[in-house]
Protein backbone atom coordinates (compact mmCIF):
# COMPACT_ATOMS: atom_id res chain seq x y z
CA MET A 1 126.41 32.95 -64.14
CA GLU A 2 130.13 33.31 -64.81
CA MET A 3 131.46 36.80 -64.21
CA GLU A 4 133.37 38.47 -67.03
CA LYS A 5 137.06 38.86 -66.29
CA ARG A 6 138.23 42.43 -66.70
CA THR A 7 141.60 43.14 -68.28
CA PHE A 8 143.33 46.29 -67.06
CA ARG A 9 145.57 48.48 -69.19
CA GLU A 10 147.93 51.08 -67.87
CA VAL A 11 146.75 54.71 -67.97
CA SER A 12 148.80 57.70 -66.95
CA PHE A 13 147.77 59.62 -63.82
CA ARG A 14 148.73 63.27 -63.34
CA ALA A 15 149.31 63.61 -59.63
CA VAL A 16 149.45 66.99 -57.86
CA ASN A 17 152.87 68.42 -57.07
CA GLY A 18 153.38 67.66 -53.39
CA TRP A 19 155.46 70.69 -52.37
CA PRO A 20 152.73 73.41 -52.59
CA VAL A 21 150.26 71.11 -50.84
CA LEU A 22 152.77 70.35 -48.08
CA VAL A 23 153.48 74.05 -47.51
CA GLY A 24 149.77 74.84 -47.42
CA LEU A 25 148.97 72.08 -44.94
CA LEU A 26 151.84 73.01 -42.63
CA ALA A 27 150.83 76.67 -42.76
CA PHE A 28 147.23 75.74 -41.95
CA LEU A 29 148.24 73.56 -39.01
CA ALA A 30 150.59 76.26 -37.70
CA ALA A 31 147.89 78.92 -37.93
CA LEU A 32 145.32 76.69 -36.27
CA PHE A 33 147.70 75.83 -33.44
CA THR A 34 148.60 79.49 -32.87
CA LEU A 35 144.95 80.53 -32.85
CA THR A 36 144.06 77.76 -30.43
CA VAL A 37 146.87 78.66 -28.01
CA ASN A 38 146.04 82.36 -28.04
CA VAL A 39 142.28 82.06 -27.54
CA ALA A 40 142.05 78.71 -25.75
CA ALA A 41 140.60 80.24 -22.59
CA THR A 42 137.91 82.30 -24.29
CA VAL A 43 136.88 80.25 -27.35
CA HIS A 44 133.33 79.03 -27.62
CA TRP A 45 132.47 75.39 -28.03
CA VAL A 46 131.55 76.11 -31.64
CA TYR A 47 135.23 76.84 -32.34
CA TRP A 48 136.24 73.40 -31.10
CA PHE A 49 133.44 71.85 -33.13
CA PHE A 50 135.14 73.06 -36.34
CA ALA A 51 138.77 73.12 -35.18
CA VAL A 52 139.06 69.48 -34.18
CA PRO A 53 137.71 68.02 -37.45
CA ALA A 54 139.81 70.47 -39.45
CA THR A 55 142.94 69.39 -37.59
CA LEU A 56 142.15 65.71 -38.13
CA ALA A 57 141.48 66.31 -41.82
CA ALA A 58 144.80 68.13 -42.19
CA LEU A 59 146.67 65.33 -40.42
CA ILE A 60 144.99 62.68 -42.57
CA SER A 61 145.87 64.67 -45.69
CA LEU A 62 149.53 64.25 -44.84
CA THR A 63 149.24 60.56 -45.71
CA GLY A 64 148.44 61.52 -49.30
CA PHE A 65 152.07 62.38 -50.05
CA PHE A 66 154.21 59.87 -51.92
CA LEU A 67 157.55 59.64 -53.70
CA VAL A 68 158.33 58.18 -57.12
CA ASN A 69 162.01 57.32 -57.53
CA PRO A 70 163.75 57.02 -60.93
CA ASN A 71 162.77 53.85 -62.84
CA MET A 72 159.97 53.20 -60.37
CA ALA A 73 156.20 53.66 -60.66
CA ARG A 74 153.19 53.99 -58.38
CA VAL A 75 149.95 52.23 -59.21
CA LEU A 76 147.08 54.16 -57.59
CA VAL A 77 143.91 52.42 -56.41
CA LEU A 78 141.07 54.38 -54.76
CA PHE A 79 138.30 52.42 -53.02
CA GLY A 80 138.97 49.36 -55.17
CA ARG A 81 139.14 51.20 -58.50
CA TYR A 82 142.28 51.65 -60.56
CA ARG A 83 142.94 55.36 -61.08
CA GLY A 84 146.21 55.30 -63.01
CA THR A 85 149.97 55.00 -62.81
CA VAL A 86 152.56 57.66 -62.02
CA ARG A 87 155.85 56.95 -63.80
CA LYS A 88 157.57 60.34 -63.61
CA ASP A 89 159.87 60.64 -60.61
CA GLY A 90 159.11 63.31 -58.06
CA PHE A 91 157.18 64.25 -54.89
CA TYR A 92 153.39 64.14 -55.25
CA TRP A 93 150.13 64.33 -53.35
CA THR A 94 146.85 62.59 -54.01
CA ASN A 95 143.73 61.55 -52.15
CA PRO A 96 144.97 60.20 -48.79
CA PHE A 97 142.69 57.17 -49.06
CA THR A 98 144.43 56.09 -52.26
CA VAL A 99 146.50 52.90 -52.05
CA LYS A 100 149.84 53.41 -53.78
CA HIS A 101 151.43 50.17 -55.01
CA LEU A 102 155.13 50.37 -55.82
CA VAL A 103 156.23 48.71 -59.08
CA SER A 104 159.84 48.58 -60.29
CA LEU A 105 160.50 49.55 -63.92
CA ARG A 106 164.15 48.56 -63.70
CA THR A 107 165.66 45.79 -65.78
CA HIS A 108 165.64 42.43 -64.02
CA ASN A 109 168.18 39.68 -64.63
CA LEU A 110 166.89 36.24 -63.68
CA ALA A 111 168.77 32.95 -63.90
CA SER A 112 166.43 29.98 -63.93
CA GLU A 113 167.13 26.80 -62.04
CA THR A 114 168.80 24.01 -63.98
CA VAL A 115 166.04 21.57 -64.93
CA LYS A 116 166.30 17.99 -66.12
CA VAL A 117 164.25 17.22 -69.21
CA ASN A 118 164.31 14.97 -72.27
CA ASP A 119 165.26 16.51 -75.62
CA MET A 120 163.42 15.81 -78.89
CA LEU A 121 165.04 12.39 -79.18
CA GLY A 122 164.39 11.43 -75.57
CA ASN A 123 167.92 11.99 -74.29
CA PRO A 124 167.93 13.28 -70.69
CA ILE A 125 169.66 16.66 -70.54
CA GLU A 126 170.18 19.46 -68.05
CA ILE A 127 169.29 22.95 -69.21
CA GLY A 128 169.00 26.42 -67.69
CA ALA A 129 168.51 29.95 -69.01
CA VAL A 130 169.19 33.59 -68.17
CA VAL A 131 166.39 36.03 -68.95
CA VAL A 132 166.51 39.83 -68.96
CA TRP A 133 163.08 41.41 -68.49
CA GLN A 134 161.24 44.48 -67.23
CA VAL A 135 157.68 45.59 -66.53
CA ARG A 136 156.05 47.15 -69.60
CA ASP A 137 152.47 47.60 -68.34
CA THR A 138 152.13 48.24 -64.59
CA ALA A 139 148.38 47.65 -64.57
CA LEU A 140 148.68 44.18 -66.12
CA ALA A 141 151.53 43.30 -63.78
CA SER A 142 149.56 44.43 -60.73
CA PHE A 143 146.06 43.14 -61.48
CA ASN A 144 146.25 40.33 -64.06
CA VAL A 145 148.53 38.01 -62.07
CA GLU A 146 148.90 37.34 -58.37
CA ASP A 147 152.65 37.95 -58.14
CA TYR A 148 154.30 38.99 -61.39
CA GLN A 149 157.84 38.14 -60.25
CA GLN A 150 156.87 34.60 -59.28
CA TYR A 151 154.84 34.34 -62.49
CA VAL A 152 157.92 35.22 -64.55
CA ASP A 153 160.00 32.63 -62.69
CA VAL A 154 157.51 29.82 -63.34
CA GLN A 155 156.98 30.72 -67.00
CA ILE A 156 160.73 30.78 -67.65
CA GLU A 157 161.05 27.21 -66.42
CA THR A 158 158.04 26.14 -68.52
CA ALA A 159 159.40 27.80 -71.67
CA VAL A 160 162.84 26.23 -71.18
CA ARG A 161 161.27 22.79 -70.90
CA GLU A 162 159.25 23.31 -74.08
CA LEU A 163 162.34 24.50 -75.95
CA ALA A 164 164.37 21.46 -74.87
CA LYS A 165 161.64 19.04 -75.95
CA ALA A 166 161.40 20.64 -79.41
CA HIS A 167 165.07 20.21 -80.41
CA PRO A 168 167.81 17.58 -80.23
CA TYR A 169 170.84 18.27 -78.09
CA ASP A 170 173.48 18.02 -80.80
CA GLU A 171 173.92 17.61 -84.55
CA GLY A 172 173.89 14.24 -86.27
CA GLN A 173 171.34 12.68 -83.94
CA ALA A 174 168.19 13.36 -85.99
CA GLU A 175 167.63 12.17 -89.55
CA GLU A 176 166.32 15.51 -90.79
CA ASP A 177 168.20 18.79 -90.59
CA VAL A 178 166.77 20.53 -87.50
CA LEU A 179 167.91 23.20 -85.10
CA THR A 180 169.99 21.87 -82.24
CA LEU A 181 170.36 23.24 -78.73
CA ARG A 182 174.15 23.05 -78.79
CA GLY A 183 174.87 24.16 -82.33
CA ASP A 184 172.22 26.81 -83.11
CA THR A 185 172.49 29.06 -80.05
CA GLU A 186 171.33 32.25 -81.79
CA SER A 187 168.24 30.62 -83.28
CA THR A 188 167.28 28.86 -80.07
CA SER A 189 167.75 32.10 -78.12
CA LYS A 190 165.37 33.91 -80.46
CA GLU A 191 162.88 31.06 -80.17
CA LEU A 192 163.10 31.11 -76.38
CA THR A 193 162.62 34.89 -76.32
CA ALA A 194 159.53 34.68 -78.56
CA GLU A 195 158.07 31.83 -76.50
CA LEU A 196 158.59 33.71 -73.24
CA GLN A 197 157.19 36.96 -74.64
CA GLU A 198 153.99 35.20 -75.67
CA ARG A 199 153.59 33.72 -72.21
CA LEU A 200 154.39 36.95 -70.33
CA ASN A 201 152.23 39.34 -72.36
CA ARG A 202 149.30 38.76 -70.01
CA ALA A 203 151.43 40.02 -67.12
CA GLY A 204 152.63 43.14 -68.94
CA ILE A 205 156.25 41.93 -69.01
CA GLU A 206 158.71 42.68 -71.81
CA VAL A 207 161.41 40.09 -72.48
CA ILE A 208 164.58 41.92 -73.52
CA GLU A 209 166.80 38.88 -73.96
CA ALA A 210 166.75 35.17 -73.20
CA ARG A 211 169.70 32.80 -73.57
CA ILE A 212 170.61 29.27 -72.56
CA SER A 213 173.14 29.51 -69.74
CA HIS A 214 173.63 25.81 -68.93
CA LEU A 215 173.41 22.84 -71.30
CA ALA A 216 174.73 19.36 -70.63
CA TYR A 217 173.75 15.74 -70.83
CA ALA A 218 172.35 14.25 -67.65
CA SER A 219 174.87 12.43 -65.48
CA GLU A 220 173.56 8.94 -66.33
CA ILE A 221 174.42 9.28 -70.04
CA ALA A 222 177.11 11.97 -69.95
CA SER A 223 180.00 9.48 -70.17
CA ALA A 224 178.52 7.57 -73.12
CA MET A 225 177.69 10.77 -74.99
CA LEU A 226 181.20 12.12 -74.38
CA GLN A 227 182.66 8.99 -75.96
CA ARG A 228 180.30 9.44 -78.89
CA GLN A 229 181.39 13.05 -79.36
CA GLN A 230 185.04 12.02 -79.19
CA ALA A 231 184.46 9.31 -81.81
CA VAL A 232 182.75 11.78 -84.13
CA ALA A 233 185.62 14.24 -83.67
CA ILE A 234 188.21 11.54 -84.42
CA ILE A 235 186.37 10.46 -87.58
CA ALA A 236 186.12 14.04 -88.77
CA ALA A 237 189.82 14.59 -88.11
CA ARG A 238 190.74 11.38 -89.94
CA GLN A 239 188.69 12.44 -92.95
CA LYS A 240 190.59 15.73 -93.13
CA ILE A 241 193.92 13.90 -92.81
CA VAL A 242 193.05 11.47 -95.60
CA GLU A 243 191.85 14.30 -97.87
CA GLY A 244 195.10 16.17 -97.29
CA ALA A 245 197.23 13.06 -97.78
CA VAL A 246 195.55 12.20 -101.10
CA SER A 247 196.14 15.74 -102.34
CA MET A 248 199.81 15.59 -101.31
CA VAL A 249 200.34 12.20 -102.99
CA GLU A 250 198.66 13.42 -106.16
CA GLN A 251 200.87 16.51 -106.19
CA ALA A 252 203.98 14.40 -105.57
CA LEU A 253 203.22 12.09 -108.50
CA GLU A 254 202.55 15.03 -110.79
CA ASP A 255 205.83 16.71 -109.78
CA LEU A 256 207.84 13.47 -110.29
CA SER A 257 206.33 13.00 -113.72
CA ALA A 258 206.70 16.64 -114.77
CA ARG A 259 210.34 16.91 -113.71
CA LYS A 260 211.18 13.44 -115.09
CA VAL A 261 212.90 12.47 -111.85
CA VAL A 262 212.01 8.82 -112.24
CA ALA A 263 209.86 6.76 -114.59
CA LEU A 264 207.33 4.63 -112.74
CA ASP A 265 205.18 1.82 -114.05
CA ASP A 266 201.77 1.05 -112.56
CA ALA A 267 203.11 -1.34 -109.93
CA GLN A 268 205.78 1.08 -108.78
CA ARG A 269 203.26 3.94 -108.75
CA ALA A 270 200.90 1.88 -106.60
CA ALA A 271 203.69 1.00 -104.18
CA LEU A 272 204.76 4.63 -103.91
CA VAL A 273 201.19 5.76 -103.27
CA GLY A 274 200.76 3.15 -100.56
CA ASN A 275 203.99 4.09 -98.82
CA LEU A 276 203.20 7.81 -98.91
CA LEU A 277 199.70 7.28 -97.51
CA VAL A 278 201.08 5.16 -94.69
CA VAL A 279 203.59 7.88 -93.82
CA LEU A 280 201.10 10.75 -94.06
CA CYS A 281 198.12 9.05 -92.35
CA GLY A 282 199.92 7.00 -89.71
CA GLN A 283 199.70 8.02 -86.06
CA SER A 284 203.25 6.90 -85.17
CA ALA A 285 206.51 8.09 -86.72
CA PRO A 286 207.49 5.99 -89.76
CA GLN A 287 210.54 3.65 -89.57
CA PRO A 288 212.77 3.94 -92.65
CA VAL A 289 213.48 0.70 -94.51
CA LEU A 290 216.32 0.44 -97.04
CA ASN A 291 215.04 -1.22 -100.21
CA THR A 292 217.79 -2.34 -102.57
CA GLY A 293 215.52 -4.04 -105.04
CA GLY A 294 213.65 -1.04 -106.43
CA LEU A 295 210.35 0.48 -105.58
CA GLY A 296 208.38 -2.66 -106.29
CA GLY A 297 210.79 -5.12 -104.66
């Protein structure tokens, strides 16, 4: 018969202030020591029968003291049973047989290892992430997973791989309009945060922020993809140049016509447009040519 797995939830534990207990125990031990020294020669064996166990009990009670530092917590377990968590900083005392696990509530900053994975289109890429997290539920972190810090590390790598496989690296590679790892950083960061939070809920971990820290094509295709990106950039720049040149030529023709500087027929207009486009769109500096036969000659 399969045993039912129990899920623990954090409960607050009100521990006893340790200072009054410490003073009381020290006073008791001091009084017992003084009494024993003063009457050691005359005491009956009955005295020792009660004095020795009382001394041992007082000494064992000293192990019940514990400290809780700021942004730290103590998870208390007594004889295999979870008793609660102390989050408030201070000096406390509890049953000396209680095991007091220390759990950090501070914010952790973890950079994952750079992993190599294929994106949505099968391109090999290298990707890594930085995740900011902290323990939300100390009971879940202590009892639901073996080692919550290692668990977080493994789940970050898994979530990063899933994110990379769900999106293309860059724009213009997929037919449909989809989120890209390189272009939609805010959206992919939110998606990564949500994915991680879902995975880490069982460990009582809160994901504060998750962002891609490293993104690049794998070395075997990096050179080819760089050439592709350069070609796309050149085409885009050329399109802007041509759009600007056409607007300038159009404005020039309108100004010449409006000011009646020169009357142009269709052939002369076509020749002027061609010359202006060559000058405006050419990569090298134009070489002036003296034309004595008119614009069309």
